[in-house]
C-alpha atoms as a PDB file:
ATOM      1  CA  MET A   1     138.019 -18.322  57.775  1.00  0.00           C
ATOM      2  CA  SER A   2     139.667 -15.431  59.751  1.00  0.00           C
ATOM      3  CA  ASN A   3     137.432 -13.086  57.581  1.00  0.00           C
ATOM      4  CA  ILE A   4     134.283 -14.810  58.814  1.00  0.00           C
ATOM      5  CA  LEU A   5     135.396 -14.774  62.357  1.00  0.00           C
ATOM      6  CA  GLN A   6     136.336 -10.845  62.276  1.00  0.00           C
ATOM      7  CA  GLU A   7     132.909 -10.260  60.662  1.00  0.00           C
ATOM      8  CA  LEU A   8     131.225 -12.052  63.265  1.00  0.00           C
ATOM      9  CA  GLU A   9     133.038 -10.231  65.952  1.00  0.00           C
ATOM     10  CA  THR A  10     131.931  -6.842  64.379  1.00  0.00           C
ATOM     11  CA  GLN A  11     128.206  -7.965  64.266  1.00  0.00           C
ATOM     12  CA  ILE A  12     128.348  -9.065  67.735  1.00  0.00           C
ATOM     13  CA  ALA A  13     130.055  -5.728  68.699  1.00  0.00           C
ATOM     14  CA  GLU A  14     127.555  -3.680  66.878  1.00  0.00           C
ATOM     15  CA  LEU A  15     124.443  -5.685  67.999  1.00  0.00           C
ATOM     16  CA  LYS A  16     122.200  -3.530  70.287  1.00  0.00           C
ATOM     17  CA  THR A  17     119.804  -5.444  72.471  1.00  0.00           C
ATOM     18  CA  ALA A  18     117.252  -4.142  74.779  1.00  0.00           C
ATOM     19  CA  VAL A  19     115.162  -5.824  77.572  1.00  0.00           C
ATOM     20  CA  THR A  20     111.600  -4.787  77.391  1.00  0.00           C
ATOM     21  CA  LYS A  21     108.858  -5.843  79.881  1.00  0.00           C
ATOM     22  CA  SER A  22     105.190  -6.116  78.965  1.00  0.00           C
ATOM     23  CA  ASN A  23     102.249  -7.375  80.959  1.00  0.00           C
ATOM     24  CA  VAL A  24     100.390  -9.718  78.534  1.00  0.00           C
ATOM     25  CA  GLY A  25      96.817 -10.923  79.049  1.00  0.00           C
ATOM     26  CA  VAL A  26      94.396 -13.285  77.206  1.00  0.00           C
ATOM     27  CA  VAL A  27      90.806 -12.420  75.809  1.00  0.00           C
ATOM     28  CA  ARG A  28      88.418 -14.674  77.607  1.00  0.00           C
ATOM     29  CA  GLN A  29      85.223 -13.035  76.326  1.00  0.00           C
ATOM     30  CA  ILE A  30      84.511 -10.423  73.768  1.00  0.00           C
ATOM     31  CA  GLY A  31      81.136  -8.812  72.818  1.00  0.00           C
ATOM     32  CA  ASP A  32      78.848  -5.848  73.024  1.00  0.00           C
ATOM     33  CA  GLY A  33      81.826  -3.564  72.845  1.00  0.00           C
ATOM     34  CA  VAL A  34      83.411  -5.201  75.980  1.00  0.00           C
ATOM     35  CA  ALA A  35      86.265  -7.609  76.510  1.00  0.00           C
ATOM     36  CA  LYS A  36      87.075  -9.593  79.612  1.00  0.00           C
ATOM     37  CA  VAL A  37      90.781 -10.212  79.827  1.00  0.00           C
ATOM     38  CA  GLU A  38      92.610 -12.439  82.140  1.00  0.00           C
ATOM     39  CA  GLY A  39      96.554 -12.241  82.987  1.00  0.00           C
ATOM     40  CA  LEU A  40      97.028  -8.448  83.217  1.00  0.00           C
ATOM     41  CA  SER A  41      98.230  -8.385  86.908  1.00  0.00           C
ATOM     42  CA  ASP A  42      99.750  -4.787  86.718  1.00  0.00           C
ATOM     43  CA  VAL A  43      97.009  -2.798  84.876  1.00  0.00           C
ATOM     44  CA  MET A  44      95.925   0.451  86.145  1.00  0.00           C
ATOM     45  CA  LEU A  45      92.240   1.830  86.163  1.00  0.00           C
ATOM     46  CA  ASN A  46      91.619   3.730  83.136  1.00  0.00           C
ATOM     47  CA  GLU A  47      94.793   2.316  81.520  1.00  0.00           C
ATOM     48  CA  MET A  48      94.830   1.772  77.723  1.00  0.00           C
ATOM     49  CA  ILE A  49      95.233  -1.691  76.587  1.00  0.00           C
ATOM     50  CA  GLU A  50      96.467  -2.829  73.154  1.00  0.00           C
ATOM     51  CA  PHE A  51      94.361  -5.451  71.311  1.00  0.00           C
ATOM     52  CA  PRO A  52      95.557  -7.187  67.964  1.00  0.00           C
ATOM     53  CA  GLY A  53      94.938  -5.020  64.895  1.00  0.00           C
ATOM     54  CA  GLY A  54      95.989  -1.795  66.642  1.00  0.00           C
ATOM     55  CA  LEU A  55      92.511  -1.553  68.473  1.00  0.00           C
ATOM     56  CA  TYR A  56      92.736  -0.076  72.001  1.00  0.00           C
ATOM     57  CA  GLY A  57      90.612  -0.665  74.916  1.00  0.00           C
ATOM     58  CA  LEU A  58      90.147   1.110  78.238  1.00  0.00           C
ATOM     59  CA  ALA A  59      90.606  -0.871  81.666  1.00  0.00           C
ATOM     60  CA  LEU A  60      87.192  -0.045  83.632  1.00  0.00           C
ATOM     61  CA  ASN A  61      86.704  -3.036  85.579  1.00  0.00           C
ATOM     62  CA  LEU A  62      89.511  -4.580  88.047  1.00  0.00           C
ATOM     63  CA  GLU A  63      88.463  -7.570  89.425  1.00  0.00           C
ATOM     64  CA  GLU A  64      90.421 -10.584  91.201  1.00  0.00           C
ATOM     65  CA  THR A  65      90.741 -12.785  88.060  1.00  0.00           C
ATOM     66  CA  GLU A  66      89.875 -10.432  85.065  1.00  0.00           C
ATOM     67  CA  VAL A  67      89.874  -6.980  83.715  1.00  0.00           C
ATOM     68  CA  GLY A  68      86.776  -5.842  82.392  1.00  0.00           C
ATOM     69  CA  CYS A  69      87.759  -3.496  79.111  1.00  0.00           C
ATOM     70  CA  ILE A  70      85.423  -1.234  77.004  1.00  0.00           C
ATOM     71  CA  LEU A  71      86.781  -1.017  73.334  1.00  0.00           C
ATOM     72  CA  LEU A  72      87.525   2.191  71.682  1.00  0.00           C
ATOM     73  CA  GLY A  73      86.238   0.701  68.230  1.00  0.00           C
ATOM     74  CA  GLU A  74      84.467  -1.914  66.776  1.00  0.00           C
ATOM     75  CA  GLY A  75      86.601  -4.821  67.504  1.00  0.00           C
ATOM     76  CA  LEU A  76      85.169  -7.043  65.045  1.00  0.00           C
ATOM     77  CA  ASP A  77      88.318  -8.942  64.432  1.00  0.00           C
ATOM     78  CA  ILE A  78      88.941  -9.828  67.923  1.00  0.00           C
ATOM     79  CA  LYS A  79      88.302 -13.036  69.211  1.00  0.00           C
ATOM     80  CA  GLU A  80      88.528 -15.039  72.282  1.00  0.00           C
ATOM     81  CA  GLY A  81      92.307 -16.305  72.974  1.00  0.00           C
ATOM     82  CA  ASP A  82      93.796 -13.197  71.519  1.00  0.00           C
ATOM     83  CA  GLU A  83      96.766 -11.776  73.394  1.00  0.00           C
ATOM     84  CA  VAL A  84      96.666  -8.159  74.599  1.00  0.00           C
ATOM     85  CA  LYS A  85      99.166  -5.894  76.513  1.00  0.00           C
ATOM     86  CA  THR A  86      99.119  -2.957  78.800  1.00  0.00           C
ATOM     87  CA  THR A  87     100.516   0.249  77.575  1.00  0.00           C
ATOM     88  CA  GLY A  88     101.251   2.070  80.734  1.00  0.00           C
ATOM     89  CA  LYS A  89      99.164   5.113  79.321  1.00  0.00           C
ATOM     90  CA  LEU A  90      96.119   6.759  80.037  1.00  0.00           C
ATOM     91  CA  LEU A  91      93.582   7.721  77.179  1.00  0.00           C
ATOM     92  CA  GLN A  92      94.328  11.214  76.086  1.00  0.00           C
ATOM     93  CA  VAL A  93      92.842  13.719  73.508  1.00  0.00           C
ATOM     94  CA  PRO A  94      94.192  16.600  71.607  1.00  0.00           C
ATOM     95  CA  VAL A  95      93.608  20.072  72.964  1.00  0.00           C
ATOM     96  CA  GLY A  96      94.235  23.544  71.913  1.00  0.00           C
ATOM     97  CA  LYS A  97      93.064  26.498  69.677  1.00  0.00           C
ATOM     98  CA  GLU A  98      93.865  24.055  66.754  1.00  0.00           C
ATOM     99  CA  LEU A  99      90.501  22.347  67.419  1.00  0.00           C
ATOM    100  CA  LEU A 100      88.248  25.637  67.305  1.00  0.00           C
ATOM    101  CA  GLY A 101      86.073  25.527  64.182  1.00  0.00           C
ATOM    102  CA  ARG A 102      86.161  21.611  63.997  1.00  0.00           C
ATOM    103  CA  VAL A 103      83.858  18.646  64.834  1.00  0.00           C
ATOM    104  CA  VAL A 104      85.582  15.836  66.464  1.00  0.00           C
ATOM    105  CA  ASN A 105      84.641  12.274  68.092  1.00  0.00           C
ATOM    106  CA  ALA A 106      85.028  11.457  71.654  1.00  0.00           C
ATOM    107  CA  LEU A 107      88.677  10.546  70.852  1.00  0.00           C
ATOM    108  CA  GLY A 108      89.420  13.847  69.258  1.00  0.00           C
ATOM    109  CA  GLN A 109      89.580  12.642  65.824  1.00  0.00           C
ATOM    110  CA  PRO A 110      88.264  14.796  63.094  1.00  0.00           C
ATOM    111  CA  VAL A 111      84.593  13.813  61.616  1.00  0.00           C
ATOM    112  CA  ASP A 112      84.067  16.995  59.270  1.00  0.00           C
ATOM    113  CA  GLY A 113      86.172  15.961  56.671  1.00  0.00           C
ATOM    114  CA  LYS A 114      88.460  19.161  56.888  1.00  0.00           C
ATOM    115  CA  GLY A 115      91.688  17.292  57.300  1.00  0.00           C
ATOM    116  CA  GLU A 116      93.746  16.151  59.973  1.00  0.00           C
ATOM    117  CA  ILE A 117      94.157  18.186  63.245  1.00  0.00           C
ATOM    118  CA  THR A 118      97.879  18.978  64.326  1.00  0.00           C
ATOM    119  CA  ALA A 119      97.592  19.575  68.020  1.00  0.00           C
ATOM    120  CA  LYS A 120     100.503  20.695  69.932  1.00  0.00           C
ATOM    121  CA  GLU A 121      99.381  19.206  73.332  1.00  0.00           C
ATOM    122  CA  ASN A 122      97.267  16.163  74.624  1.00  0.00           C
ATOM    123  CA  TYR A 123      95.247  15.914  77.937  1.00  0.00           C
ATOM    124  CA  PRO A 124      94.047  13.008  79.732  1.00  0.00           C
ATOM    125  CA  VAL A 125      90.303  12.355  79.555  1.00  0.00           C
ATOM    126  CA  GLU A 126      90.122  11.640  83.188  1.00  0.00           C
ATOM    127  CA  LYS A 127      91.818  14.573  85.248  1.00  0.00           C
ATOM    128  CA  ILE A 128      91.496  15.386  89.029  1.00  0.00           C
ATOM    129  CA  ALA A 129      89.457  18.457  89.336  1.00  0.00           C
ATOM    130  CA  PRO A 130      91.178  21.879  90.650  1.00  0.00           C
ATOM    131  CA  GLY A 131      91.214  21.677  94.561  1.00  0.00           C
ATOM    132  CA  ILE A 132      90.096  24.372  96.936  1.00  0.00           C
ATOM    133  CA  ILE A 133      93.162  26.410  97.062  1.00  0.00           C
ATOM    134  CA  PRO A 134      93.923  26.980  93.352  1.00  0.00           C
ATOM    135  CA  ARG A 135      90.063  28.464  92.890  1.00  0.00           C
ATOM    136  CA  LYS A 136      88.615  31.813  93.502  1.00  0.00           C
ATOM    137  CA  SER A 137      85.241  33.111  93.946  1.00  0.00           C
ATOM    138  CA  VAL A 138      83.159  33.669  90.806  1.00  0.00           C
ATOM    139  CA  SER A 139      83.021  37.659  90.031  1.00  0.00           C
ATOM    140  CA  GLN A 140      82.924  38.250  86.328  1.00  0.00           C
ATOM    141  CA  PRO A 141      79.688  37.960  84.758  1.00  0.00           C
ATOM    142  CA  LEU A 142      79.121  35.682  81.321  1.00  0.00           C
ATOM    143  CA  GLN A 143      76.408  37.359  79.057  1.00  0.00           C
ATOM    144  CA  THR A 144      74.359  34.862  77.691  1.00  0.00           C
ATOM    145  CA  GLY A 145      72.340  37.326  75.332  1.00  0.00           C
ATOM    146  CA  ILE A 146      69.123  36.250  76.748  1.00  0.00           C
ATOM    147  CA  ALA A 147      67.791  39.266  78.858  1.00  0.00           C
ATOM    148  CA  ALA A 148      65.602  37.215  81.058  1.00  0.00           C
ATOM    149  CA  VAL A 149      68.489  35.103  82.042  1.00  0.00           C
ATOM    150  CA  ASP A 150      71.172  37.839  82.283  1.00  0.00           C
ATOM    151  CA  ALA A 151      68.603  39.759  84.453  1.00  0.00           C
ATOM    152  CA  MET A 152      67.127  37.188  86.956  1.00  0.00           C
ATOM    153  CA  ILE A 153      69.685  34.725  87.058  1.00  0.00           C
ATOM    154  CA  PRO A 154      73.331  36.032  86.004  1.00  0.00           C
ATOM    155  CA  ILE A 155      75.786  33.359  85.077  1.00  0.00           C
ATOM    156  CA  GLY A 156      79.366  33.950  86.201  1.00  0.00           C
ATOM    157  CA  ARG A 157      82.575  32.726  84.360  1.00  0.00           C
ATOM    158  CA  GLY A 158      83.606  29.364  86.204  1.00  0.00           C
ATOM    159  CA  GLN A 159      80.004  28.722  87.441  1.00  0.00           C
ATOM    160  CA  ARG A 160      77.938  25.688  86.682  1.00  0.00           C
ATOM    161  CA  GLU A 161      74.245  26.255  85.939  1.00  0.00           C
ATOM    162  CA  LEU A 162      71.915  23.705  84.884  1.00  0.00           C
ATOM    163  CA  ILE A 163      69.496  24.132  82.112  1.00  0.00           C
ATOM    164  CA  ILE A 164      66.349  21.833  82.996  1.00  0.00           C
ATOM    165  CA  GLY A 165      62.870  21.401  81.706  1.00  0.00           C
ATOM    166  CA  ASP A 166      60.625  19.336  79.855  1.00  0.00           C
ATOM    167  CA  ARG A 167      61.308  17.938  76.232  1.00  0.00           C
ATOM    168  CA  GLN A 168      60.994  20.079  73.352  1.00  0.00           C
ATOM    169  CA  THR A 169      60.965  23.202  75.573  1.00  0.00           C
ATOM    170  CA  GLY A 170      64.046  24.984  74.143  1.00  0.00           C
ATOM    171  CA  LYS A 171      67.061  23.855  76.406  1.00  0.00           C
ATOM    172  CA  THR A 172      69.245  23.415  73.545  1.00  0.00           C
ATOM    173  CA  THR A 173      68.154  26.785  71.837  1.00  0.00           C
ATOM    174  CA  ILE A 174      69.324  28.599  75.299  1.00  0.00           C
ATOM    175  CA  ALA A 175      72.732  26.985  75.070  1.00  0.00           C
ATOM    176  CA  ILE A 176      73.168  27.479  71.352  1.00  0.00           C
ATOM    177  CA  ASP A 177      72.125  31.391  71.815  1.00  0.00           C
ATOM    178  CA  THR A 178      74.708  31.526  74.591  1.00  0.00           C
ATOM    179  CA  ILE A 179      77.562  30.078  72.445  1.00  0.00           C
ATOM    180  CA  ILE A 180      76.488  32.603  69.418  1.00  0.00           C
ATOM    181  CA  SER A 181      76.434  35.434  72.189  1.00  0.00           C
ATOM    182  CA  GLN A 182      80.015  34.786  73.091  1.00  0.00           C
ATOM    183  CA  ALA A 183      81.166  34.553  69.473  1.00  0.00           C
ATOM    184  CA  LYS A 184      79.355  37.888  68.933  1.00  0.00           C
ATOM    185  CA  GLN A 185      81.171  39.451  71.900  1.00  0.00           C
ATOM    186  CA  ASN A 186      84.468  38.046  70.791  1.00  0.00           C
ATOM    187  CA  ARG A 187      84.093  39.488  67.400  1.00  0.00           C
ATOM    188  CA  ALA A 188      83.073  42.811  68.688  1.00  0.00           C
ATOM    189  CA  ALA A 189      86.089  43.261  71.017  1.00  0.00           C
ATOM    190  CA  GLU A 190      88.420  42.350  68.283  1.00  0.00           C
ATOM    191  CA  GLU A 191      86.912  44.821  65.785  1.00  0.00           C
ATOM    192  CA  ASN A 192      87.183  47.499  68.448  1.00  0.00           C
ATOM    193  CA  ASN A 193      90.569  46.508  69.493  1.00  0.00           C
ATOM    194  CA  THR A 194      89.234  46.218  73.269  1.00  0.00           C
ATOM    195  CA  LYS A 195      92.168  45.472  75.344  1.00  0.00           C
ATOM    196  CA  ASP A 196      90.572  44.608  78.542  1.00  0.00           C
ATOM    197  CA  PHE A 197      88.033  42.142  77.265  1.00  0.00           C
ATOM    198  CA  ARG A 198      88.683  38.620  77.479  1.00  0.00           C
ATOM    199  CA  PRO A 199      87.135  36.242  74.899  1.00  0.00           C
ATOM    200  CA  VAL A 200      85.279  33.220  75.759  1.00  0.00           C
ATOM    201  CA  TYR A 201      85.695  29.871  73.737  1.00  0.00           C
ATOM    202  CA  SER A 202      83.258  27.413  73.585  1.00  0.00           C
ATOM    203  CA  ILE A 203      82.872  23.487  73.742  1.00  0.00           C
ATOM    204  CA  TYR A 204      79.558  22.034  72.768  1.00  0.00           C
ATOM    205  CA  VAL A 205      79.346  18.067  73.227  1.00  0.00           C
ATOM    206  CA  ALA A 206      76.337  16.316  71.653  1.00  0.00           C
ATOM    207  CA  ILE A 207      75.772  13.066  73.593  1.00  0.00           C
ATOM    208  CA  GLY A 208      73.230  10.608  72.054  1.00  0.00           C
ATOM    209  CA  GLN A 209      71.715  12.984  69.693  1.00  0.00           C
ATOM    210  CA  LYS A 210      70.571  12.340  66.058  1.00  0.00           C
ATOM    211  CA  ARG A 211      73.081  13.234  63.433  1.00  0.00           C
ATOM    212  CA  SER A 212      70.449  15.401  61.784  1.00  0.00           C
ATOM    213  CA  SER A 213      70.077  17.447  64.817  1.00  0.00           C
ATOM    214  CA  VAL A 214      73.820  17.875  65.343  1.00  0.00           C
ATOM    215  CA  ALA A 215      74.181  18.852  61.668  1.00  0.00           C
ATOM    216  CA  ARG A 216      71.427  21.340  62.124  1.00  0.00           C
ATOM    217  CA  ILE A 217      73.212  22.789  65.298  1.00  0.00           C
ATOM    218  CA  ILE A 218      76.640  22.996  63.300  1.00  0.00           C
ATOM    219  CA  SER A 219      75.003  24.915  60.454  1.00  0.00           C
ATOM    220  CA  THR A 220      73.387  27.456  62.735  1.00  0.00           C
ATOM    221  CA  LEU A 221      76.628  28.213  64.498  1.00  0.00           C
ATOM    222  CA  GLU A 222      78.303  28.578  60.981  1.00  0.00           C
ATOM    223  CA  ALA A 223      75.685  30.839  59.923  1.00  0.00           C
ATOM    224  CA  ALA A 224      75.989  33.167  62.954  1.00  0.00           C
ATOM    225  CA  GLY A 225      79.863  32.731  62.749  1.00  0.00           C
ATOM    226  CA  ALA A 226      80.193  31.230  66.010  1.00  0.00           C
ATOM    227  CA  LEU A 227      81.932  28.124  64.785  1.00  0.00           C
ATOM    228  CA  GLU A 228      85.198  29.634  64.589  1.00  0.00           C
ATOM    229  CA  TYR A 229      85.327  30.131  68.238  1.00  0.00           C
ATOM    230  CA  THR A 230      83.747  26.761  69.065  1.00  0.00           C
ATOM    231  CA  ILE A 231      84.929  23.087  69.129  1.00  0.00           C
ATOM    232  CA  ILE A 232      82.000  20.352  68.751  1.00  0.00           C
ATOM    233  CA  VAL A 233      82.413  17.111  70.342  1.00  0.00           C
ATOM    234  CA  VAL A 234      79.913  14.546  68.644  1.00  0.00           C
ATOM    235  CA  ALA A 235      79.067  11.110  70.143  1.00  0.00           C
ATOM    236  CA  SER A 236      75.480  10.745  67.949  1.00  0.00           C
ATOM    237  CA  ALA A 237      72.987   7.859  68.836  1.00  0.00           C
ATOM    238  CA  SER A 238      74.506   5.763  66.085  1.00  0.00           C
ATOM    239  CA  ASP A 239      77.924   5.812  68.199  1.00  0.00           C
ATOM    240  CA  SER A 240      78.780   3.106  70.697  1.00  0.00           C
ATOM    241  CA  ALA A 241      77.852   3.654  74.321  1.00  0.00           C
ATOM    242  CA  THR A 242      81.627   3.931  75.142  1.00  0.00           C
ATOM    243  CA  ASN A 243      82.081   6.798  72.802  1.00  0.00           C
ATOM    244  CA  GLN A 244      78.864   8.469  74.306  1.00  0.00           C
ATOM    245  CA  PHE A 245      80.464   7.910  77.977  1.00  0.00           C
ATOM    246  CA  LEU A 246      83.914   9.330  77.042  1.00  0.00           C
ATOM    247  CA  SER A 247      82.655  12.406  75.123  1.00  0.00           C
ATOM    248  CA  ALA A 248      81.741  14.236  78.090  1.00  0.00           C
ATOM    249  CA  TYR A 249      85.265  13.872  79.756  1.00  0.00           C
ATOM    250  CA  ALA A 250      87.096  14.623  76.113  1.00  0.00           C
ATOM    251  CA  GLY A 251      85.148  18.057  75.860  1.00  0.00           C
ATOM    252  CA  ALA A 252      85.826  18.675  79.503  1.00  0.00           C
ATOM    253  CA  SER A 253      89.652  18.264  79.009  1.00  0.00           C
ATOM    254  CA  MET A 254      89.518  20.412  75.850  1.00  0.00           C
ATOM    255  CA  GLY A 255      87.823  23.144  77.853  1.00  0.00           C
ATOM    256  CA  GLU A 256      90.219  22.622  80.671  1.00  0.00           C
ATOM    257  CA  TRP A 257      93.490  23.564  78.432  1.00  0.00           C
ATOM    258  CA  PHE A 258      91.945  27.052  78.111  1.00  0.00           C
ATOM    259  CA  MET A 259      91.136  27.614  81.880  1.00  0.00           C
ATOM    260  CA  ASP A 260      94.676  26.122  82.474  1.00  0.00           C
ATOM    261  CA  ASN A 261      96.143  28.687  80.048  1.00  0.00           C
ATOM    262  CA  GLY A 262      94.513  31.577  81.532  1.00  0.00           C
ATOM    263  CA  MET A 263      91.730  31.924  79.206  1.00  0.00           C
ATOM    264  CA  ASP A 264      87.876  31.670  79.611  1.00  0.00           C
ATOM    265  CA  ALA A 265      86.001  28.713  78.291  1.00  0.00           C
ATOM    266  CA  LEU A 266      82.375  27.637  78.261  1.00  0.00           C
ATOM    267  CA  ILE A 267      81.345  23.897  77.944  1.00  0.00           C
ATOM    268  CA  VAL A 268      77.591  22.840  77.165  1.00  0.00           C
ATOM    269  CA  PHE A 269      76.880  19.158  77.726  1.00  0.00           C
ATOM    270  CA  ASP A 270      73.707  18.266  75.647  1.00  0.00           C
ATOM    271  CA  ASP A 271      72.602  16.285  77.570  1.00  0.00           C
ATOM    272  CA  LEU A 272      73.833  14.435  80.673  1.00  0.00           C
ATOM    273  CA  SER A 273      70.757  12.311  80.908  1.00  0.00           C
ATOM    274  CA  LYS A 274      71.862  10.377  77.738  1.00  0.00           C
ATOM    275  CA  HIS A 275      75.403  10.193  79.200  1.00  0.00           C
ATOM    276  CA  ALA A 276      74.049   8.584  82.440  1.00  0.00           C
ATOM    277  CA  VAL A 277      72.017   6.168  80.125  1.00  0.00           C
ATOM    278  CA  ALA A 278      75.507   5.440  78.101  1.00  0.00           C
ATOM    279  CA  TYR A 279      77.178   4.551  81.363  1.00  0.00           C
ATOM    280  CA  ARG A 280      74.277   2.340  82.602  1.00  0.00           C
ATOM    281  CA  GLN A 281      74.750   0.405  79.240  1.00  0.00           C
ATOM    282  CA  VAL A 282      78.415   0.178  79.562  1.00  0.00           C
ATOM    283  CA  SER A 283      77.835  -0.914  83.402  1.00  0.00           C
ATOM    284  CA  LEU A 284      75.379  -3.467  82.808  1.00  0.00           C
ATOM    285  CA  VAL A 285      77.314  -5.081  79.959  1.00  0.00           C
ATOM    286  CA  LEU A 286      80.498  -5.002  82.527  1.00  0.00           C
ATOM    287  CA  ARG A 287      78.021  -6.753  84.858  1.00  0.00           C
ATOM    288  CA  ARG A 288      78.370  -4.134  87.684  1.00  0.00           C
ATOM    289  CA  PRO A 289      75.983  -4.218  90.343  1.00  0.00           C
ATOM    290  CA  SER A 290      72.892  -2.195  89.532  1.00  0.00           C
ATOM    291  CA  GLY A 291      70.725   0.255  91.699  1.00  0.00           C
ATOM    292  CA  ARG A 292      67.575   1.796  91.014  1.00  0.00           C
ATOM    293  CA  GLU A 293      66.325   1.901  87.608  1.00  0.00           C
ATOM    294  CA  ALA A 294      69.368  -0.199  86.669  1.00  0.00           C
ATOM    295  CA  TYR A 295      71.694   2.850  87.150  1.00  0.00           C
ATOM    296  CA  PRO A 296      74.967   1.820  88.866  1.00  0.00           C
ATOM    297  CA  GLY A 297      75.682   3.004  92.454  1.00  0.00           C
ATOM    298  CA  ASP A 298      78.510   5.487  91.168  1.00  0.00           C
ATOM    299  CA  VAL A 299      76.092   7.585  88.704  1.00  0.00           C
ATOM    300  CA  PHE A 300      76.316  10.478  90.848  1.00  0.00           C
ATOM    301  CA  TYR A 301      80.004  10.272  91.181  1.00  0.00           C
ATOM    302  CA  LEU A 302      79.949  10.085  87.441  1.00  0.00           C
ATOM    303  CA  HIS A 303      78.625  13.671  86.939  1.00  0.00           C
ATOM    304  CA  SER A 304      80.001  15.306  90.173  1.00  0.00           C
ATOM    305  CA  ARG A 305      83.741  14.588  89.058  1.00  0.00           C
ATOM    306  CA  LEU A 306      82.869  15.782  85.600  1.00  0.00           C
ATOM    307  CA  LEU A 307      81.186  19.007  86.557  1.00  0.00           C
ATOM    308  CA  GLU A 308      83.779  19.965  89.415  1.00  0.00           C
ATOM    309  CA  ARG A 309      86.333  20.333  86.811  1.00  0.00           C
ATOM    310  CA  SER A 310      84.606  23.578  85.929  1.00  0.00           C
ATOM    311  CA  ALA A 311      86.130  26.370  88.001  1.00  0.00           C
ATOM    312  CA  ARG A 312      87.428  29.832  88.440  1.00  0.00           C
ATOM    313  CA  LEU A 313      91.242  29.817  89.064  1.00  0.00           C
ATOM    314  CA  ASN A 314      93.230  32.532  91.053  1.00  0.00           C
ATOM    315  CA  GLU A 315      95.897  34.668  89.548  1.00  0.00           C
ATOM    316  CA  LYS A 316      98.551  32.307  90.828  1.00  0.00           C
ATOM    317  CA  ASN A 317      97.037  29.319  88.626  1.00  0.00           C
ATOM    318  CA  GLY A 318      96.533  31.522  85.593  1.00  0.00           C
ATOM    319  CA  ASP A 319      93.075  33.342  86.441  1.00  0.00           C
ATOM    320  CA  GLY A 320      91.414  31.102  83.664  1.00  0.00           C
ATOM    321  CA  SER A 321      87.834  29.734  83.934  1.00  0.00           C
ATOM    322  CA  LEU A 322      85.773  26.958  82.618  1.00  0.00           C
ATOM    323  CA  THR A 323      82.017  27.449  82.805  1.00  0.00           C
ATOM    324  CA  ALA A 324      79.668  24.523  82.414  1.00  0.00           C
ATOM    325  CA  LEU A 325      75.880  24.454  81.383  1.00  0.00           C
ATOM    326  CA  PRO A 326      74.540  20.745  81.701  1.00  0.00           C
END
């Protein structure tokens, strides 16, 4: 009997308990890639919410009695009455040079069949743009390789320049030629050991395009030797509206890593019209009030907060730049 008591005392002494606090809610409605959840009183905007089966959602609508979440996956197994809980984390994507030469989705997961990406850092998808003080004026040119553009409307590192035109007029071609031009300049500088030259790394974000079109662009970049200096973020037409909406911000975060580390980067959004359509789709499913052509009222803020993340930072903040071609 004494041995049993001693063993119990030992086990009680070794027992380690910890109190964890979690905010738990219940799924009230699910469908069209969106879930309405009740009971999440402490949830933050854009916070990741854990659903059963390891699926995550993003809190996009904070209402008085419920939270509207967009699902980061299929969510076919989720049903009404399932318990969900907050994570206290914002959505993050892997960033760094490890992503160069790879094709990833809106969550930074590889889709090119070349194995896992072991990135050392992660950046939040939604990030506040640099303020006025950390910036400096655009002074260094970014050569597009197109003589007419470089002569008449030169682009600077850290600038935002809209490529606008009718359908099938070569907007994507201009962007791809610019990416290839950066790769050629990078390679020439490496071969000649040019010390003063700063390479430009590219991020190409394909939003709502056909997979065949994206595959053609990837093969073009590969043939030109530009893929090793480029990250490709793909949210094709067959992907969910959620992925298409998030892909632009994920690409911007990947570009910001280069800028924050004193390097120069170029990001191409192809194209933001489809991005606005994807956001309209998400907003309508979340039952947000719609305006002209059913676009929500904050559709302009959607793109202004994205493009303001492109900047030229001063020397105190690393002297990096992010150039955007939307």
